[in-house]
Amino acid sequence: MTATSGQAPLVEILYFDGCPNHDPARILVERIASDLGVQAEIELVHVVDADAATRFRFLGSPTVRVNGVDVEPGAGRRADFVFSCRIYRSEHGFSGQPDERWIREALVEAAA
């Protein structure tokens, strides 16, 4: 499946130093974008402290947003902004990465 659009979706990966999951998240996003044929612009956003976590509405590291929207369903309603690692819960269990399906759906929607 190839998705095309006039403008590349912006994928932000928010993280803090020492997070073991932000680089695998970047690799996952790059692979999915490539599979879809989407030329996504990937931006790493370094969150430096708890104040920045609140300013960025940071739900933990890594946080993956496509065009400003967190890929995790329902995350937009959350307000538990923290300077810590993020654990994702999906139908596959717990992980330090967002579910691949969430990223895929967000990129397809953004590229439509």
PDB file of N, CA and C in Angstrom:
ATOM      1  N   MET A   1       0.844  -1.179   0.000  1.00  0.00           N
ATOM      2  CA  MET A   1       0.000   0.000   0.000  1.00  0.00           C
ATOM      3  C   MET A   1       0.885   1.236   0.000  1.00  0.00           C
ATOM      4  N   THR A   2       0.623   2.136  -0.875  1.00  0.00           N
ATOM      5  CA  THR A   2       1.385   3.375  -0.949  1.00  0.00           C
ATOM      6  C   THR A   2       0.457   4.545  -0.678  1.00  0.00           C
ATOM      7  N   ALA A   3       0.864   5.376   0.245  1.00  0.00           N
ATOM      8  CA  ALA A   3       0.098   6.583   0.561  1.00  0.00           C
ATOM      9  C   ALA A   3       0.854   7.774   0.011  1.00  0.00           C
ATOM     10  N   THR A   4       0.130   8.712  -0.564  1.00  0.00           N
ATOM     11  CA  THR A   4       0.778   9.903  -1.090  1.00  0.00           C
ATOM     12  C   THR A   4       0.007  11.134  -0.653  1.00  0.00           C
ATOM     13  N   SER A   5       0.680  12.246  -0.609  1.00  0.00           N
ATOM     14  CA  SER A   5       0.061  13.507  -0.221  1.00  0.00           C
ATOM     15  C   SER A   5       0.942  14.635  -0.720  1.00  0.00           C
ATOM     16  N   GLY A   6       0.399  15.836  -0.737  1.00  0.00           N
ATOM     17  CA  GLY A   6       1.178  16.968  -1.160  1.00  0.00           C
ATOM     18  C   GLY A   6       2.203  17.407  -0.133  1.00  0.00           C
ATOM     19  N   GLN A   7       1.983  17.078   1.121  1.00  0.00           N
ATOM     20  CA  GLN A   7       2.883  17.518   2.177  1.00  0.00           C
ATOM     21  C   GLN A   7       3.252  16.339   3.072  1.00  0.00           C
ATOM     22  N   ALA A   8       4.528  16.264   3.421  1.00  0.00           N
ATOM     23  CA  ALA A   8       5.010  15.175   4.264  1.00  0.00           C
ATOM     24  C   ALA A   8       4.468  15.331   5.679  1.00  0.00           C
ATOM     25  N   PRO A   9       3.959  14.244   6.253  1.00  0.00           N
ATOM     26  CA  PRO A   9       3.537  14.315   7.655  1.00  0.00           C
ATOM     27  C   PRO A   9       4.745  14.570   8.557  1.00  0.00           C
ATOM     28  N   LEU A  10       4.521  15.340   9.621  1.00  0.00           N
ATOM     29  CA  LEU A  10       5.562  15.579  10.610  1.00  0.00           C
ATOM     30  C   LEU A  10       5.390  14.561  11.729  1.00  0.00           C
ATOM     31  N   VAL A  11       6.425  13.761  11.960  1.00  0.00           N
ATOM     32  CA  VAL A  11       6.426  12.800  13.057  1.00  0.00           C
ATOM     33  C   VAL A  11       7.416  13.303  14.098  1.00  0.00           C
ATOM     34  N   GLU A  12       6.902  13.597  15.283  1.00  0.00           N
ATOM     35  CA  GLU A  12       7.756  14.020  16.387  1.00  0.00           C
ATOM     36  C   GLU A  12       7.937  12.840  17.326  1.00  0.00           C
ATOM     37  N   ILE A  13       9.180  12.589  17.690  1.00  0.00           N
ATOM     38  CA  ILE A  13       9.480  11.575  18.691  1.00  0.00           C
ATOM     39  C   ILE A  13      10.091  12.310  19.869  1.00  0.00           C
ATOM     40  N   LEU A  14       9.294  12.449  20.927  1.00  0.00           N
ATOM     41  CA  LEU A  14       9.736  13.147  22.122  1.00  0.00           C
ATOM     42  C   LEU A  14      10.408  12.146  23.049  1.00  0.00           C
ATOM     43  N   TYR A  15      11.534  12.544  23.634  1.00  0.00           N
ATOM     44  CA  TYR A  15      12.314  11.621  24.453  1.00  0.00           C
ATOM     45  C   TYR A  15      13.152  12.404  25.449  1.00  0.00           C
ATOM     46  N   PHE A  16      13.753  11.685  26.387  1.00  0.00           N
ATOM     47  CA  PHE A  16      14.752  12.293  27.256  1.00  0.00           C
ATOM     48  C   PHE A  16      16.018  11.448  27.189  1.00  0.00           C
ATOM     49  N   ASP A  17      17.143  12.060  27.540  1.00  0.00           N
ATOM     50  CA  ASP A  17      18.421  11.351  27.527  1.00  0.00           C
ATOM     51  C   ASP A  17      18.344  10.127  28.415  1.00  0.00           C
ATOM     52  N   GLY A  18      18.888   9.035  27.933  1.00  0.00           N
ATOM     53  CA  GLY A  18      18.903   7.795  28.693  1.00  0.00           C
ATOM     54  C   GLY A  18      17.728   6.884  28.391  1.00  0.00           C
ATOM     55  N   CYS A  19      16.780   7.334  27.605  1.00  0.00           N
ATOM     56  CA  CYS A  19      15.635   6.495  27.244  1.00  0.00           C
ATOM     57  C   CYS A  19      16.100   5.412  26.280  1.00  0.00           C
ATOM     58  N   PRO A  20      15.934   4.146  26.651  1.00  0.00           N
ATOM     59  CA  PRO A  20      16.372   3.075  25.755  1.00  0.00           C
ATOM     60  C   PRO A  20      15.419   2.820  24.592  1.00  0.00           C
ATOM     61  N   ASN A  21      14.248   3.462  24.604  1.00  0.00           N
ATOM     62  CA  ASN A  21      13.220   3.142  23.610  1.00  0.00           C
ATOM     63  C   ASN A  21      13.039   4.173  22.509  1.00  0.00           C
ATOM     64  N   HIS A  22      13.676   5.350  22.612  1.00  0.00           N
ATOM     65  CA  HIS A  22      13.394   6.352  21.580  1.00  0.00           C
ATOM     66  C   HIS A  22      14.050   6.010  20.249  1.00  0.00           C
ATOM     67  N   ASP A  23      15.243   5.434  20.254  1.00  0.00           N
ATOM     68  CA  ASP A  23      15.869   5.077  18.977  1.00  0.00           C
ATOM     69  C   ASP A  23      15.118   3.927  18.299  1.00  0.00           C
ATOM     70  N   PRO A  24      14.723   2.867  19.028  1.00  0.00           N
ATOM     71  CA  PRO A  24      13.888   1.848  18.389  1.00  0.00           C
ATOM     72  C   PRO A  24      12.559   2.413  17.872  1.00  0.00           C
ATOM     73  N   ALA A  25      11.997   3.419  18.564  1.00  0.00           N
ATOM     74  CA  ALA A  25      10.760   4.050  18.081  1.00  0.00           C
ATOM     75  C   ALA A  25      11.011   4.760  16.761  1.00  0.00           C
ATOM     76  N   ARG A  26      12.151   5.451  16.657  1.00  0.00           N
ATOM     77  CA  ARG A  26      12.500   6.133  15.401  1.00  0.00           C
ATOM     78  C   ARG A  26      12.649   5.118  14.273  1.00  0.00           C
ATOM     79  N   ILE A  27      13.328   4.020  14.547  1.00  0.00           N
ATOM     80  CA  ILE A  27      13.523   2.976  13.538  1.00  0.00           C
ATOM     81  C   ILE A  27      12.181   2.390  13.114  1.00  0.00           C
ATOM     82  N   LEU A  28      11.284   2.176  14.071  1.00  0.00           N
ATOM     83  CA  LEU A  28       9.952   1.650  13.772  1.00  0.00           C
ATOM     84  C   LEU A  28       9.184   2.614  12.874  1.00  0.00           C
ATOM     85  N   VAL A  29       9.211   3.901  13.206  1.00  0.00           N
ATOM     86  CA  VAL A  29       8.516   4.909  12.397  1.00  0.00           C
ATOM     87  C   VAL A  29       9.100   4.944  10.984  1.00  0.00           C
ATOM     88  N   GLU A  30      10.420   4.927  10.876  1.00  0.00           N
ATOM     89  CA  GLU A  30      11.057   4.952   9.553  1.00  0.00           C
ATOM     90  C   GLU A  30      10.659   3.742   8.722  1.00  0.00           C
ATOM     91  N   ARG A  31      10.618   2.562   9.349  1.00  0.00           N
ATOM     92  CA  ARG A  31      10.253   1.337   8.623  1.00  0.00           C
ATOM     93  C   ARG A  31       8.811   1.391   8.140  1.00  0.00           C
ATOM     94  N   ILE A  32       7.904   1.810   9.018  1.00  0.00           N
ATOM     95  CA  ILE A  32       6.494   1.867   8.642  1.00  0.00           C
ATOM     96  C   ILE A  32       6.278   2.902   7.537  1.00  0.00           C
ATOM     97  N   ALA A  33       6.895   4.065   7.666  1.00  0.00           N
ATOM     98  CA  ALA A  33       6.768   5.093   6.627  1.00  0.00           C
ATOM     99  C   ALA A  33       7.277   4.559   5.296  1.00  0.00           C
ATOM    100  N   SER A  34       8.401   3.865   5.322  1.00  0.00           N
ATOM    101  CA  SER A  34       8.954   3.284   4.099  1.00  0.00           C
ATOM    102  C   SER A  34       7.997   2.248   3.510  1.00  0.00           C
ATOM    103  N   ASP A  35       7.461   1.375   4.365  1.00  0.00           N
ATOM    104  CA  ASP A  35       6.504   0.358   3.899  1.00  0.00           C
ATOM    105  C   ASP A  35       5.295   1.001   3.219  1.00  0.00           C
ATOM    106  N   LEU A  36       4.861   2.143   3.761  1.00  0.00           N
ATOM    107  CA  LEU A  36       3.683   2.831   3.228  1.00  0.00           C
ATOM    108  C   LEU A  36       4.005   3.735   2.037  1.00  0.00           C
ATOM    109  N   GLY A  37       5.286   3.998   1.816  1.00  0.00           N
ATOM    110  CA  GLY A  37       5.664   4.932   0.771  1.00  0.00           C
ATOM    111  C   GLY A  37       5.397   6.371   1.168  1.00  0.00           C
ATOM    112  N   VAL A  38       5.404   6.652   2.468  1.00  0.00           N
ATOM    113  CA  VAL A  38       5.155   7.998   2.993  1.00  0.00           C
ATOM    114  C   VAL A  38       6.491   8.656   3.286  1.00  0.00           C
ATOM    115  N   GLN A  39       6.696   9.844   2.746  1.00  0.00           N
ATOM    116  CA  GLN A  39       7.908  10.618   3.007  1.00  0.00           C
ATOM    117  C   GLN A  39       7.664  11.469   4.249  1.00  0.00           C
ATOM    118  N   ALA A  40       7.792  10.859   5.414  1.00  0.00           N
ATOM    119  CA  ALA A  40       7.542  11.570   6.664  1.00  0.00           C
ATOM    120  C   ALA A  40       8.773  12.372   7.073  1.00  0.00           C
ATOM    121  N   GLU A  41       8.521  13.534   7.649  1.00  0.00           N
ATOM    122  CA  GLU A  41       9.586  14.329   8.247  1.00  0.00           C
ATOM    123  C   GLU A  41       9.652  13.919   9.717  1.00  0.00           C
ATOM    124  N   ILE A  42      10.770  13.346  10.132  1.00  0.00           N
ATOM    125  CA  ILE A  42      10.913  12.863  11.504  1.00  0.00           C
ATOM    126  C   ILE A  42      11.766  13.844  12.288  1.00  0.00           C
ATOM    127  N   GLU A  43      11.216  14.299  13.398  1.00  0.00           N
ATOM    128  CA  GLU A  43      11.905  15.261  14.252  1.00  0.00           C
ATOM    129  C   GLU A  43      12.035  14.677  15.658  1.00  0.00           C
ATOM    130  N   LEU A  44      13.266  14.597  16.147  1.00  0.00           N
ATOM    131  CA  LEU A  44      13.498  14.173  17.523  1.00  0.00           C
ATOM    132  C   LEU A  44      13.397  15.398  18.416  1.00  0.00           C
ATOM    133  N   VAL A  45      12.572  15.310  19.451  1.00  0.00           N
ATOM    134  CA  VAL A  45      12.350  16.425  20.367  1.00  0.00           C
ATOM    135  C   VAL A  45      12.879  16.021  21.736  1.00  0.00           C
ATOM    136  N   HIS A  46      13.953  16.685  22.154  1.00  0.00           N
ATOM    137  CA  HIS A  46      14.607  16.379  23.426  1.00  0.00           C
ATOM    138  C   HIS A  46      13.878  17.097  24.556  1.00  0.00           C
ATOM    139  N   VAL A  47      13.339  16.337  25.491  1.00  0.00           N
ATOM    140  CA  VAL A  47      12.672  16.884  26.664  1.00  0.00           C
ATOM    141  C   VAL A  47      13.693  16.858  27.799  1.00  0.00           C
ATOM    142  N   VAL A  48      14.021  18.024  28.346  1.00  0.00           N
ATOM    143  CA  VAL A  48      15.168  18.116  29.259  1.00  0.00           C
ATOM    144  C   VAL A  48      14.838  17.976  30.740  1.00  0.00           C
ATOM    145  N   ASP A  49      13.578  18.270  31.135  1.00  0.00           N
ATOM    146  CA  ASP A  49      13.250  18.201  32.558  1.00  0.00           C
ATOM    147  C   ASP A  49      11.727  18.167  32.736  1.00  0.00           C
ATOM    148  N   ALA A  50      11.300  18.120  34.004  1.00  0.00           N
ATOM    149  CA  ALA A  50       9.873  18.017  34.306  1.00  0.00           C
ATOM    150  C   ALA A  50       9.088  19.241  33.819  1.00  0.00           C
ATOM    151  N   ASP A  51       9.686  20.428  33.891  1.00  0.00           N
ATOM    152  CA  ASP A  51       9.002  21.630  33.392  1.00  0.00           C
ATOM    153  C   ASP A  51       8.756  21.523  31.886  1.00  0.00           C
ATOM    154  N   ALA A  52       9.765  21.052  31.176  1.00  0.00           N
ATOM    155  CA  ALA A  52       9.611  20.854  29.728  1.00  0.00           C
ATOM    156  C   ALA A  52       8.573  19.771  29.445  1.00  0.00           C
ATOM    157  N   ALA A  53       8.524  18.739  30.286  1.00  0.00           N
ATOM    158  CA  ALA A  53       7.532  17.672  30.106  1.00  0.00           C
ATOM    159  C   ALA A  53       6.120  18.252  30.149  1.00  0.00           C
ATOM    160  N   THR A  54       5.879  19.149  31.069  1.00  0.00           N
ATOM    161  CA  THR A  54       4.564  19.786  31.155  1.00  0.00           C
ATOM    162  C   THR A  54       4.311  20.680  29.948  1.00  0.00           C
ATOM    163  N   ARG A  55       5.303  21.470  29.572  1.00  0.00           N
ATOM    164  CA  ARG A  55       5.164  22.376  28.418  1.00  0.00           C
ATOM    165  C   ARG A  55       4.862  21.602  27.129  1.00  0.00           C
ATOM    166  N   PHE A  56       5.537  20.482  26.949  1.00  0.00           N
ATOM    167  CA  PHE A  56       5.364  19.680  25.731  1.00  0.00           C
ATOM    168  C   PHE A  56       4.194  18.700  25.817  1.00  0.00           C
ATOM    169  N   ARG A  57       3.510  18.661  26.976  1.00  0.00           N
ATOM    170  CA  ARG A  57       2.418  17.698  27.188  1.00  0.00           C
ATOM    171  C   ARG A  57       2.950  16.281  26.958  1.00  0.00           C
ATOM    172  N   PHE A  58       4.077  16.026  27.587  1.00  0.00           N
ATOM    173  CA  PHE A  58       4.880  14.816  27.413  1.00  0.00           C
ATOM    174  C   PHE A  58       4.334  13.704  28.298  1.00  0.00           C
ATOM    175  N   LEU A  59       3.923  12.610  27.690  1.00  0.00           N
ATOM    176  CA  LEU A  59       3.355  11.477  28.425  1.00  0.00           C
ATOM    177  C   LEU A  59       4.401  10.412  28.726  1.00  0.00           C
ATOM    178  N   GLY A  60       5.659  10.724  28.504  1.00  0.00           N
ATOM    179  CA  GLY A  60       6.739   9.784  28.769  1.00  0.00           C
ATOM    180  C   GLY A  60       7.513   9.492  27.500  1.00  0.00           C
ATOM    181  N   SER A  61       8.677   8.898  27.700  1.00  0.00           N
ATOM    182  CA  SER A  61       9.600   8.647  26.600  1.00  0.00           C
ATOM    183  C   SER A  61       9.566   7.188  26.163  1.00  0.00           C
ATOM    184  N   PRO A  62       9.368   6.969  24.866  1.00  0.00           N
ATOM    185  CA  PRO A  62       9.157   7.927  23.789  1.00  0.00           C
ATOM    186  C   PRO A  62       7.675   8.232  23.597  1.00  0.00           C
ATOM    187  N   THR A  63       7.405   9.453  23.210  1.00  0.00           N
ATOM    188  CA  THR A  63       6.076   9.845  22.771  1.00  0.00           C
ATOM    189  C   THR A  63       6.172  10.087  21.278  1.00  0.00           C
ATOM    190  N   VAL A  64       5.275   9.469  20.522  1.00  0.00           N
ATOM    191  CA  VAL A  64       5.275   9.598  19.062  1.00  0.00           C
ATOM    192  C   VAL A  64       4.002  10.334  18.650  1.00  0.00           C
ATOM    193  N   ARG A  65       4.197  11.448  17.955  1.00  0.00           N
ATOM    194  CA  ARG A  65       3.072  12.245  17.462  1.00  0.00           C
ATOM    195  C   ARG A  65       3.186  12.414  15.957  1.00  0.00           C
ATOM    196  N   VAL A  66       2.061  12.324  15.283  1.00  0.00           N
ATOM    197  CA  VAL A  66       2.002  12.573  13.849  1.00  0.00           C
ATOM    198  C   VAL A  66       1.145  13.819  13.649  1.00  0.00           C
ATOM    199  N   ASN A  67       1.760  14.833  13.048  1.00  0.00           N
ATOM    200  CA  ASN A  67       1.098  16.135  12.862  1.00  0.00           C
ATOM    201  C   ASN A  67       0.487  16.636  14.167  1.00  0.00           C
ATOM    202  N   GLY A  68       1.234  16.469  15.256  1.00  0.00           N
ATOM    203  CA  GLY A  68       0.830  16.995  16.552  1.00  0.00           C
ATOM    204  C   GLY A  68      -0.091  16.120  17.371  1.00  0.00           C
ATOM    205  N   VAL A  69      -0.492  14.973  16.829  1.00  0.00           N
ATOM    206  CA  VAL A  69      -1.437  14.095  17.529  1.00  0.00           C
ATOM    207  C   VAL A  69      -0.728  12.822  17.967  1.00  0.00           C
ATOM    208  N   ASP A  70      -0.826  12.511  19.263  1.00  0.00           N
ATOM    209  CA  ASP A  70      -0.229  11.297  19.801  1.00  0.00           C
ATOM    210  C   ASP A  70      -0.838  10.087  19.090  1.00  0.00           C
ATOM    211  N   VAL A  71       0.004   9.117  18.736  1.00  0.00           N
ATOM    212  CA  VAL A  71      -0.485   7.949  17.999  1.00  0.00           C
ATOM    213  C   VAL A  71      -1.310   7.005  18.868  1.00  0.00           C
ATOM    214  N   GLU A  72      -1.147   7.086  20.183  1.00  0.00           N
ATOM    215  CA  GLU A  72      -1.911   6.192  21.067  1.00  0.00           C
ATOM    216  C   GLU A  72      -3.360   6.657  21.149  1.00  0.00           C
ATOM    217  N   PRO A  73      -4.309   5.788  20.825  1.00  0.00           N
ATOM    218  CA  PRO A  73      -5.716   6.176  20.936  1.00  0.00           C
ATOM    219  C   PRO A  73      -6.051   6.633  22.358  1.00  0.00           C
ATOM    220  N   GLY A  74      -6.743   7.753  22.465  1.00  0.00           N
ATOM    221  CA  GLY A  74      -7.160   8.277  23.750  1.00  0.00           C
ATOM    222  C   GLY A  74      -6.121   9.118  24.472  1.00  0.00           C
ATOM    223  N   ALA A  75      -4.905   9.185  23.967  1.00  0.00           N
ATOM    224  CA  ALA A  75      -3.843   9.919  24.658  1.00  0.00           C
ATOM    225  C   ALA A  75      -4.138  11.413  24.747  1.00  0.00           C
ATOM    226  N   GLY A  76      -4.900  11.951  23.820  1.00  0.00           N
ATOM    227  CA  GLY A  76      -5.218  13.372  23.826  1.00  0.00           C
ATOM    228  C   GLY A  76      -6.035  13.809  25.028  1.00  0.00           C
ATOM    229  N   ARG A  77      -6.682  12.859  25.683  1.00  0.00           N
ATOM    230  CA  ARG A  77      -7.489  13.172  26.867  1.00  0.00           C
ATOM    231  C   ARG A  77      -6.677  13.095  28.157  1.00  0.00           C
ATOM    232  N   ARG A  78      -5.445  12.635  28.055  1.00  0.00           N
ATOM    233  CA  ARG A  78      -4.620  12.462  29.258  1.00  0.00           C
ATOM    234  C   ARG A  78      -3.946  13.769  29.668  1.00  0.00           C
ATOM    235  N   ALA A  79      -3.668  13.895  30.959  1.00  0.00           N
ATOM    236  CA  ALA A  79      -2.982  15.077  31.478  1.00  0.00           C
ATOM    237  C   ALA A  79      -1.914  14.689  32.485  1.00  0.00           C
ATOM    238  N   ASP A  80      -1.464  13.443  32.424  1.00  0.00           N
ATOM    239  CA  ASP A  80      -0.436  12.969  33.356  1.00  0.00           C
ATOM    240  C   ASP A  80       0.942  13.155  32.731  1.00  0.00           C
ATOM    241  N   PHE A  81       1.350  14.411  32.600  1.00  0.00           N
ATOM    242  CA  PHE A  81       2.613  14.748  31.954  1.00  0.00           C
ATOM    243  C   PHE A  81       3.755  14.450  32.912  1.00  0.00           C
ATOM    244  N   VAL A  82       4.696  13.633  32.452  1.00  0.00           N
ATOM    245  CA  VAL A  82       5.755  13.142  33.332  1.00  0.00           C
ATOM    246  C   VAL A  82       7.097  13.125  32.622  1.00  0.00           C
ATOM    247  N   PHE A  83       8.129  13.201  33.403  1.00  0.00           N
ATOM    248  CA  PHE A  83       9.497  13.087  32.915  1.00  0.00           C
ATOM    249  C   PHE A  83       9.984  11.691  33.287  1.00  0.00           C
ATOM    250  N   SER A  84       9.502  10.694  32.527  1.00  0.00           N
ATOM    251  CA  SER A  84       9.854   9.302  32.809  1.00  0.00           C
ATOM    252  C   SER A  84       9.664   8.474  31.542  1.00  0.00           C
ATOM    253  N   CYS A  85       9.972   7.200  31.661  1.00  0.00           N
ATOM    254  CA  CYS A  85       9.746   6.283  30.542  1.00  0.00           C
ATOM    255  C   CYS A  85       8.248   6.080  30.357  1.00  0.00           C
ATOM    256  N   ARG A  86       7.872   5.772  29.143  1.00  0.00           N
ATOM    257  CA  ARG A  86       6.462   5.539  28.824  1.00  0.00           C
ATOM    258  C   ARG A  86       6.248   4.063  28.559  1.00  0.00           C
ATOM    259  N   ILE A  87       5.186   3.546  29.122  1.00  0.00           N
ATOM    260  CA  ILE A  87       4.795   2.165  28.869  1.00  0.00           C
ATOM    261  C   ILE A  87       3.472   2.206  28.115  1.00  0.00           C
ATOM    262  N   TYR A  88       3.446   1.545  26.987  1.00  0.00           N
ATOM    263  CA  TYR A  88       2.240   1.472  26.168  1.00  0.00           C
ATOM    264  C   TYR A  88       1.528   0.156  26.434  1.00  0.00           C
ATOM    265  N   ARG A  89       0.213   0.225  26.476  1.00  0.00           N
ATOM    266  CA  ARG A  89      -0.599  -0.976  26.630  1.00  0.00           C
ATOM    267  C   ARG A  89      -1.466  -1.118  25.392  1.00  0.00           C
ATOM    268  N   SER A  90      -1.355  -2.274  24.761  1.00  0.00           N
ATOM    269  CA  SER A  90      -2.174  -2.550  23.578  1.00  0.00           C
ATOM    270  C   SER A  90      -2.723  -3.967  23.694  1.00  0.00           C
ATOM    271  N   GLU A  91      -3.385  -4.402  22.670  1.00  0.00           N
ATOM    272  CA  GLU A  91      -3.921  -5.769  22.656  1.00  0.00           C
ATOM    273  C   GLU A  91      -2.807  -6.819  22.708  1.00  0.00           C
ATOM    274  N   HIS A  92      -1.565  -6.391  22.456  1.00  0.00           N
ATOM    275  CA  HIS A  92      -0.421  -7.307  22.479  1.00  0.00           C
ATOM    276  C   HIS A  92       0.284  -7.321  23.831  1.00  0.00           C
ATOM    277  N   GLY A  93      -0.193  -6.529  24.787  1.00  0.00           N
ATOM    278  CA  GLY A  93       0.433  -6.465  26.102  1.00  0.00           C
ATOM    279  C   GLY A  93       1.106  -5.126  26.319  1.00  0.00           C
ATOM    280  N   PHE A  94       2.126  -5.120  27.177  1.00  0.00           N
ATOM    281  CA  PHE A  94       2.842  -3.897  27.528  1.00  0.00           C
ATOM    282  C   PHE A  94       4.136  -3.806  26.733  1.00  0.00           C
ATOM    283  N   SER A  95       4.508  -2.564  26.373  1.00  0.00           N
ATOM    284  CA  SER A  95       5.710  -2.348  25.581  1.00  0.00           C
ATOM    285  C   SER A  95       6.239  -0.942  25.811  1.00  0.00           C
ATOM    286  N   GLY A  96       7.515  -0.758  25.555  1.00  0.00           N
ATOM    287  CA  GLY A  96       8.121   0.562  25.584  1.00  0.00           C
ATOM    288  C   GLY A  96       7.972   1.288  24.259  1.00  0.00           C
ATOM    289  N   GLN A  97       7.278   0.663  23.311  1.00  0.00           N
ATOM    290  CA  GLN A  97       7.042   1.231  21.975  1.00  0.00           C
ATOM    291  C   GLN A  97       5.544   1.354  21.726  1.00  0.00           C
ATOM    292  N   PRO A  98       5.136   2.347  20.962  1.00  0.00           N
ATOM    293  CA  PRO A  98       3.728   2.380  20.560  1.00  0.00           C
ATOM    294  C   PRO A  98       3.437   1.209  19.622  1.00  0.00           C
ATOM    295  N   ASP A  99       2.202   0.793  19.617  1.00  0.00           N
ATOM    296  CA  ASP A  99       1.783  -0.298  18.741  1.00  0.00           C
ATOM    297  C   ASP A  99       2.000   0.084  17.270  1.00  0.00           C
ATOM    298  N   GLU A 100       2.540  -0.827  16.514  1.00  0.00           N
ATOM    299  CA  GLU A 100       2.817  -0.571  15.093  1.00  0.00           C
ATOM    300  C   GLU A 100       1.558  -0.136  14.350  1.00  0.00           C
ATOM    301  N   ARG A 101       0.428  -0.742  14.675  1.00  0.00           N
ATOM    302  CA  ARG A 101      -0.835  -0.407  14.008  1.00  0.00           C
ATOM    303  C   ARG A 101      -1.199   1.065  14.228  1.00  0.00           C
ATOM    304  N   TRP A 102      -0.947   1.594  15.446  1.00  0.00           N
ATOM    305  CA  TRP A 102      -1.262   2.988  15.731  1.00  0.00           C
ATOM    306  C   TRP A 102      -0.449   3.927  14.846  1.00  0.00           C
ATOM    307  N   ILE A 103       0.838   3.613  14.699  1.00  0.00           N
ATOM    308  CA  ILE A 103       1.712   4.447  13.865  1.00  0.00           C
ATOM    309  C   ILE A 103       1.266   4.373  12.411  1.00  0.00           C
ATOM    310  N   ARG A 104       0.998   3.162  11.952  1.00  0.00           N
ATOM    311  CA  ARG A 104       0.562   2.955  10.565  1.00  0.00           C
ATOM    312  C   ARG A 104      -0.724   3.753  10.282  1.00  0.00           C
ATOM    313  N   GLU A 105      -1.709   3.639  11.169  1.00  0.00           N
ATOM    314  CA  GLU A 105      -2.981   4.349  10.964  1.00  0.00           C
ATOM    315  C   GLU A 105      -2.781   5.863  10.974  1.00  0.00           C
ATOM    316  N   ALA A 106      -1.940   6.357  11.885  1.00  0.00           N
ATOM    317  CA  ALA A 106      -1.694   7.796  11.966  1.00  0.00           C
ATOM    318  C   ALA A 106      -1.015   8.309  10.701  1.00  0.00           C
ATOM    319  N   LEU A 107      -0.047   7.552  10.176  1.00  0.00           N
ATOM    320  CA  LEU A 107       0.639   7.980   8.950  1.00  0.00           C
ATOM    321  C   LEU A 107      -0.287   7.929   7.745  1.00  0.00           C
ATOM    322  N   VAL A 108      -1.092   6.904   7.644  1.00  0.00           N
ATOM    323  CA  VAL A 108      -2.046   6.801   6.517  1.00  0.00           C
ATOM    324  C   VAL A 108      -3.015   7.970   6.551  1.00  0.00           C
ATOM    325  N   GLU A 109      -3.543   8.265   7.731  1.00  0.00           N
ATOM    326  CA  GLU A 109      -4.490   9.387   7.860  1.00  0.00           C
ATOM    327  C   GLU A 109      -3.827  10.714   7.528  1.00  0.00           C
ATOM    328  N   ALA A 110      -2.594  10.908   8.011  1.00  0.00           N
ATOM    329  CA  ALA A 110      -1.888  12.165   7.767  1.00  0.00           C
ATOM    330  C   ALA A 110      -1.516  12.341   6.294  1.00  0.00           C
ATOM    331  N   ALA A 111      -1.281  11.257   5.613  1.00  0.00           N
ATOM    332  CA  ALA A 111      -0.861  11.328   4.207  1.00  0.00           C
ATOM    333  C   ALA A 111      -2.044  11.384   3.255  1.00  0.00           C
ATOM    334  N   ALA A 112      -3.251  11.163   3.784  1.00  0.00           N
ATOM    335  CA  ALA A 112      -4.449  11.133   2.914  1.00  0.00           C
ATOM    336  C   ALA A 112      -4.835  12.526   2.443  1.00  0.00           C
TER     337      ALA A 112
END
